């Protein structure tokens, strides 16, 4: 294979110095004939902090039907206890001011945690897109390299055929003279 600078010159419209880090890494890995694809899930999980994993877990639970159904059951039980069971001595009588306080605090805590998880999902999407770009670039470079090799082989074979035709013409000319 050509040197990396020749490869860059053949396949990119700019010098090596103007290539980005991703392009340089892909070129180096291509030149070394090494695999560039990785398990995105594993790579992204390896970079996750404890807080990020907790935020993802809370978002996963808080956004599930199980949570919604359980929370509706909790609200129904709370209302039933404070209106029917403890009708005369309810610890949070209607209009459930204490329950509203709890729900407000839960929303105040849960909303930023879910936003953190959404931001992390956005980061994950960017990470995935970058990995896809690397793999696609490497595949494109490999295809271009194969085209170049095939073209070189065709040119070599055409030159050999041309020589053979020249020899045959010379042989025919010698016999005809």
C-alpha atoms as a PDB file:
ATOM      1  CA  UNK A   1       0.000   0.000   0.000  1.00  0.00           C
ATOM      2  CA  UNK A   2       1.159   3.561  -0.629  1.00  0.00           C
ATOM      3  CA  UNK A   3       2.392   5.734   2.167  1.00  0.00           C
ATOM      4  CA  UNK A   4      -0.298   7.564   4.078  1.00  0.00           C
ATOM      5  CA  UNK A   5       0.506  10.920   2.428  1.00  0.00           C
ATOM      6  CA  UNK A   6       0.170   9.364  -1.059  1.00  0.00           C
ATOM      7  CA  UNK A   7      -3.070   7.720   0.034  1.00  0.00           C
ATOM      8  CA  UNK A   8      -4.384  11.057   1.320  1.00  0.00           C
ATOM      9  CA  UNK A   9      -3.313  12.786  -1.880  1.00  0.00           C
ATOM     10  CA  UNK A  10      -5.144  10.181  -3.987  1.00  0.00           C
ATOM     11  CA  UNK A  11      -8.392  10.084  -1.987  1.00  0.00           C
ATOM     12  CA  UNK A  12      -8.818  13.499  -0.391  1.00  0.00           C
ATOM     13  CA  UNK A  13      -8.830  16.941  -1.957  1.00  0.00           C
ATOM     14  CA  UNK A  14      -6.632  18.430   0.757  1.00  0.00           C
ATOM     15  CA  UNK A  15      -3.240  17.835   2.353  1.00  0.00           C
ATOM     16  CA  UNK A  16      -2.761  15.588   5.402  1.00  0.00           C
ATOM     17  CA  UNK A  17      -2.267  18.589   7.705  1.00  0.00           C
ATOM     18  CA  UNK A  18      -5.796  19.807   6.966  1.00  0.00           C
ATOM     19  CA  UNK A  19      -7.490  16.522   7.892  1.00  0.00           C
ATOM     20  CA  UNK A  20      -9.371  16.232  11.180  1.00  0.00           C
ATOM     21  CA  UNK A  21      -8.454  13.904  14.016  1.00  0.00           C
ATOM     22  CA  UNK A  22     -11.096  11.372  12.998  1.00  0.00           C
ATOM     23  CA  UNK A  23      -9.847  11.246   9.401  1.00  0.00           C
ATOM     24  CA  UNK A  24      -6.245  10.867  10.561  1.00  0.00           C
ATOM     25  CA  UNK A  25      -7.185   8.058  12.956  1.00  0.00           C
ATOM     26  CA  UNK A  26      -9.187   6.265  10.256  1.00  0.00           C
ATOM     27  CA  UNK A  27      -6.346   6.641   7.761  1.00  0.00           C
ATOM     28  CA  UNK A  28      -3.823   5.297  10.251  1.00  0.00           C
ATOM     29  CA  UNK A  29      -6.051   2.324  11.122  1.00  0.00           C
ATOM     30  CA  UNK A  30      -6.719   1.677   7.428  1.00  0.00           C
ATOM     31  CA  UNK A  31      -3.017   1.834   6.628  1.00  0.00           C
ATOM     32  CA  UNK A  32      -2.297  -0.587   9.501  1.00  0.00           C
ATOM     33  CA  UNK A  33      -5.129  -2.846   8.261  1.00  0.00           C
ATOM     34  CA  UNK A  34      -6.831  -2.782  11.689  1.00  0.00           C
ATOM     35  CA  UNK A  35     -10.520  -2.888  12.540  1.00  0.00           C
ATOM     36  CA  UNK A  36     -12.055   0.447  13.451  1.00  0.00           C
ATOM     37  CA  UNK A  37     -15.592  -0.557  14.428  1.00  0.00           C
ATOM     38  CA  UNK A  38     -16.420  -0.892  18.114  1.00  0.00           C
ATOM     39  CA  UNK A  39     -19.439  -1.869  20.189  1.00  0.00           C
ATOM     40  CA  UNK A  40     -21.024   1.551  20.688  1.00  0.00           C
ATOM     41  CA  UNK A  41     -23.065   0.418  23.693  1.00  0.00           C
ATOM     42  CA  UNK A  42     -20.002  -0.926  25.473  1.00  0.00           C
ATOM     43  CA  UNK A  43     -17.819   2.067  24.601  1.00  0.00           C
ATOM     44  CA  UNK A  44     -20.445   4.583  25.729  1.00  0.00           C
ATOM     45  CA  UNK A  45     -21.236   2.668  28.931  1.00  0.00           C
ATOM     46  CA  UNK A  46     -17.531   2.553  29.793  1.00  0.00           C
ATOM     47  CA  UNK A  47     -17.423   6.368  29.795  1.00  0.00           C
ATOM     48  CA  UNK A  48     -20.562   6.764  31.960  1.00  0.00           C
ATOM     49  CA  UNK A  49     -20.120   8.271  35.399  1.00  0.00           C
ATOM     50  CA  UNK A  50     -22.011   7.011  38.436  1.00  0.00           C
ATOM     51  CA  UNK A  51     -24.336  10.039  38.300  1.00  0.00           C
ATOM     52  CA  UNK A  52     -25.051   9.451  34.613  1.00  0.00           C
ATOM     53  CA  UNK A  53     -25.934   5.815  35.257  1.00  0.00           C
ATOM     54  CA  UNK A  54     -28.233   6.842  38.142  1.00  0.00           C
ATOM     55  CA  UNK A  55     -29.933   9.480  35.959  1.00  0.00           C
ATOM     56  CA  UNK A  56     -30.474   6.913  33.206  1.00  0.00           C
ATOM     57  CA  UNK A  57     -31.932   4.452  35.707  1.00  0.00           C
ATOM     58  CA  UNK A  58     -34.303   7.035  37.181  1.00  0.00           C
ATOM     59  CA  UNK A  59     -35.397   8.150  33.699  1.00  0.00           C
ATOM     60  CA  UNK A  60     -35.887   4.533  32.655  1.00  0.00           C
ATOM     61  CA  UNK A  61     -38.063   3.830  35.726  1.00  0.00           C
ATOM     62  CA  UNK A  62     -39.848   7.217  35.780  1.00  0.00           C
ATOM     63  CA  UNK A  63     -40.796   6.904  32.128  1.00  0.00           C
ATOM     64  CA  UNK A  64     -42.220   3.393  32.360  1.00  0.00           C
ATOM     65  CA  UNK A  65     -45.811   2.206  32.475  1.00  0.00           C
ATOM     66  CA  UNK A  66     -44.993   0.306  35.661  1.00  0.00           C
ATOM     67  CA  UNK A  67     -44.095   3.565  37.403  1.00  0.00           C
ATOM     68  CA  UNK A  68     -47.163   5.383  36.079  1.00  0.00           C
ATOM     69  CA  UNK A  69     -49.516   2.600  37.173  1.00  0.00           C
ATOM     70  CA  UNK A  70     -47.823   2.259  40.584  1.00  0.00           C
ATOM     71  CA  UNK A  71     -47.944   6.027  41.090  1.00  0.00           C
ATOM     72  CA  UNK A  72     -51.630   6.170  40.136  1.00  0.00           C
ATOM     73  CA  UNK A  73     -52.274   3.378  42.655  1.00  0.00           C
ATOM     74  CA  UNK A  74     -50.336   5.342  45.314  1.00  0.00           C
ATOM     75  CA  UNK A  75     -52.404   8.471  44.612  1.00  0.00           C
ATOM     76  CA  UNK A  76     -55.663   6.515  44.754  1.00  0.00           C
ATOM     77  CA  UNK A  77     -54.664   4.858  48.047  1.00  0.00           C
ATOM     78  CA  UNK A  78     -53.565   8.226  49.500  1.00  0.00           C
ATOM     79  CA  UNK A  79     -56.886   9.821  48.560  1.00  0.00           C
ATOM     80  CA  UNK A  80     -58.877   6.838  49.849  1.00  0.00           C
ATOM     81  CA  UNK A  81     -57.070   6.783  53.197  1.00  0.00           C
ATOM     82  CA  UNK A  82     -57.455  10.518  53.739  1.00  0.00           C
ATOM     83  CA  UNK A  83     -61.136  10.738  52.713  1.00  0.00           C
ATOM     84  CA  UNK A  84     -62.712   7.406  53.601  1.00  0.00           C
ATOM     85  CA  UNK A  85     -60.586   5.494  56.152  1.00  0.00           C
ATOM     86  CA  UNK A  86     -59.458   8.470  58.231  1.00  0.00           C
ATOM     87  CA  UNK A  87     -62.496  10.628  57.499  1.00  0.00           C
ATOM     88  CA  UNK A  88     -62.446  12.313  60.895  1.00  0.00           C
ATOM     89  CA  UNK A  89     -58.701  12.284  61.644  1.00  0.00           C
ATOM     90  CA  UNK A  90     -57.050  12.482  58.185  1.00  0.00           C
ATOM     91  CA  UNK A  91     -53.387  13.475  58.282  1.00  0.00           C
ATOM     92  CA  UNK A  92     -53.807  15.175  54.865  1.00  0.00           C
ATOM     93  CA  UNK A  93     -57.451  16.126  54.404  1.00  0.00           C
ATOM     94  CA  UNK A  94     -58.902  17.210  51.084  1.00  0.00           C
ATOM     95  CA  UNK A  95     -57.521  19.172  49.048  1.00  0.00           C
ATOM     96  CA  UNK A  96     -54.409  17.131  49.947  1.00  0.00           C
ATOM     97  CA  UNK A  97     -51.946  19.980  50.533  1.00  0.00           C
ATOM     98  CA  UNK A  98     -49.233  17.651  51.839  1.00  0.00           C
ATOM     99  CA  UNK A  99     -49.631  15.360  48.823  1.00  0.00           C
ATOM    100  CA  UNK A 100     -49.305  18.399  46.518  1.00  0.00           C
ATOM    101  CA  UNK A 101     -46.102  19.371  48.333  1.00  0.00           C
ATOM    102  CA  UNK A 102     -44.689  15.860  47.878  1.00  0.00           C
ATOM    103  CA  UNK A 103     -45.668  15.807  44.185  1.00  0.00           C
ATOM    104  CA  UNK A 104     -44.100  19.252  43.607  1.00  0.00           C
ATOM    105  CA  UNK A 105     -40.846  18.185  45.262  1.00  0.00           C
ATOM    106  CA  UNK A 106     -40.812  14.946  43.268  1.00  0.00           C
ATOM    107  CA  UNK A 107     -41.355  16.858  40.020  1.00  0.00           C
ATOM    108  CA  UNK A 108     -38.664  19.389  40.967  1.00  0.00           C
ATOM    109  CA  UNK A 109     -36.155  16.574  41.455  1.00  0.00           C
ATOM    110  CA  UNK A 110     -37.300  14.219  38.707  1.00  0.00           C
ATOM    111  CA  UNK A 111     -37.457  16.770  35.860  1.00  0.00           C
ATOM    112  CA  UNK A 112     -33.753  17.772  35.917  1.00  0.00           C
ATOM    113  CA  UNK A 113     -32.708  14.132  36.293  1.00  0.00           C
ATOM    114  CA  UNK A 114     -34.754  13.169  33.235  1.00  0.00           C
ATOM    115  CA  UNK A 115     -33.269  16.143  31.348  1.00  0.00           C
ATOM    116  CA  UNK A 116     -29.783  14.902  32.291  1.00  0.00           C
ATOM    117  CA  UNK A 117     -30.666  11.519  30.846  1.00  0.00           C
ATOM    118  CA  UNK A 118     -32.018  13.131  27.676  1.00  0.00           C
ATOM    119  CA  UNK A 119     -28.809  15.149  27.320  1.00  0.00           C
ATOM    120  CA  UNK A 120     -26.858  11.937  27.725  1.00  0.00           C
ATOM    121  CA  UNK A 121     -28.968  10.331  25.010  1.00  0.00           C
ATOM    122  CA  UNK A 122     -28.091  13.268  22.758  1.00  0.00           C
ATOM    123  CA  UNK A 123     -24.400  12.720  23.558  1.00  0.00           C
ATOM    124  CA  UNK A 124     -24.855   9.032  22.786  1.00  0.00           C
ATOM    125  CA  UNK A 125     -26.447   9.868  19.430  1.00  0.00           C
ATOM    126  CA  UNK A 126     -23.485  12.130  18.580  1.00  0.00           C
ATOM    127  CA  UNK A 127     -21.050   9.417  19.693  1.00  0.00           C
ATOM    128  CA  UNK A 128     -22.869   6.861  17.548  1.00  0.00           C
ATOM    129  CA  UNK A 129     -22.876   9.218  14.552  1.00  0.00           C
ATOM    130  CA  UNK A 130     -19.121   9.766  14.935  1.00  0.00           C
ATOM    131  CA  UNK A 131     -18.508   6.008  15.083  1.00  0.00           C
ATOM    132  CA  UNK A 132     -20.736   5.487  12.035  1.00  0.00           C
ATOM    133  CA  UNK A 133     -18.767   8.170  10.195  1.00  0.00           C
ATOM    134  CA  UNK A 134     -15.474   6.457  11.054  1.00  0.00           C
ATOM    135  CA  UNK A 135     -16.693   3.062   9.850  1.00  0.00           C
ATOM    136  CA  UNK A 136     -18.222   4.542   6.690  1.00  0.00           C
ATOM    137  CA  UNK A 137     -15.043   6.498   5.930  1.00  0.00           C
ATOM    138  CA  UNK A 138     -12.899   3.408   6.395  1.00  0.00           C
ATOM    139  CA  UNK A 139     -15.202   1.366   4.178  1.00  0.00           C
ATOM    140  CA  UNK A 140     -15.102   4.068   1.521  1.00  0.00           C
ATOM    141  CA  UNK A 141     -11.302   4.229   1.682  1.00  0.00           C
ATOM    142  CA  UNK A 142     -11.066   0.447   1.397  1.00  0.00           C
ATOM    143  CA  UNK A 143     -13.364   0.472  -1.634  1.00  0.00           C
ATOM    144  CA  UNK A 144     -11.314   3.256  -3.228  1.00  0.00           C
ATOM    145  CA  UNK A 145      -8.134   1.300  -2.522  1.00  0.00           C
ATOM    146  CA  UNK A 146      -9.620  -1.816  -4.109  1.00  0.00           C
ATOM    147  CA  UNK A 147     -10.669   0.214  -7.153  1.00  0.00           C
ATOM    148  CA  UNK A 148      -7.146   1.544  -7.419  1.00  0.00           C
ATOM    149  CA  UNK A 149      -5.659  -1.967  -7.212  1.00  0.00           C
ATOM    150  CA  UNK A 150      -8.092  -3.288  -9.816  1.00  0.00           C
ATOM    151  CA  UNK A 151      -7.358  -0.322 -12.092  1.00  0.00           C
ATOM    152  CA  UNK A 152      -3.599  -0.938 -11.753  1.00  0.00           C
ATOM    153  CA  UNK A 153      -4.090  -4.619 -12.565  1.00  0.00           C
ATOM    154  CA  UNK A 154      -6.219  -3.779 -15.612  1.00  0.00           C
ATOM    155  CA  UNK A 155      -3.584  -1.312 -16.836  1.00  0.00           C
ATOM    156  CA  UNK A 156      -0.861  -3.936 -16.352  1.00  0.00           C
ATOM    157  CA  UNK A 157      -2.905  -6.555 -18.210  1.00  0.00           C
ATOM    158  CA  UNK A 158      -3.682  -4.108 -21.030  1.00  0.00           C
ATOM    159  CA  UNK A 159       0.011  -3.289 -21.367  1.00  0.00           C
ATOM    160  CA  UNK A 160       0.814  -7.010 -21.527  1.00  0.00           C
ATOM    161  CA  UNK A 161      -1.900  -7.522 -24.154  1.00  0.00           C
ATOM    162  CA  UNK A 162      -0.586  -4.562 -26.143  1.00  0.00           C
ATOM    163  CA  UNK A 163       2.901  -6.092 -26.102  1.00  0.00           C
ATOM    164  CA  UNK A 164       1.473  -9.446 -27.206  1.00  0.00           C
ATOM    165  CA  UNK A 165      -0.476  -7.781 -30.035  1.00  0.00           C
ATOM    166  CA  UNK A 166       2.720  -5.944 -31.044  1.00  0.00           C
ATOM    167  CA  UNK A 167       4.667  -9.216 -31.107  1.00  0.00           C
ATOM    168  CA  UNK A 168       1.919 -10.908 -33.113  1.00  0.00           C
ATOM    169  CA  UNK A 169       1.847  -8.005 -35.587  1.00  0.00           C
ATOM    170  CA  UNK A 170       5.620  -8.149 -35.901  1.00  0.00           C
ATOM    171  CA  UNK A 171       5.440 -11.918 -36.379  1.00  0.00           C
ATOM    172  CA  UNK A 172       2.742 -11.573 -39.047  1.00  0.00           C
ATOM    173  CA  UNK A 173       4.666  -8.792 -40.766  1.00  0.00           C
ATOM    174  CA  UNK A 174       7.823 -10.935 -40.777  1.00  0.00           C
ATOM    175  CA  UNK A 175       5.934 -13.892 -42.270  1.00  0.00           C
ATOM    176  CA  UNK A 176       4.236 -11.698 -44.855  1.00  0.00           C
ATOM    177  CA  UNK A 177       7.448 -10.093 -46.051  1.00  0.00           C
END
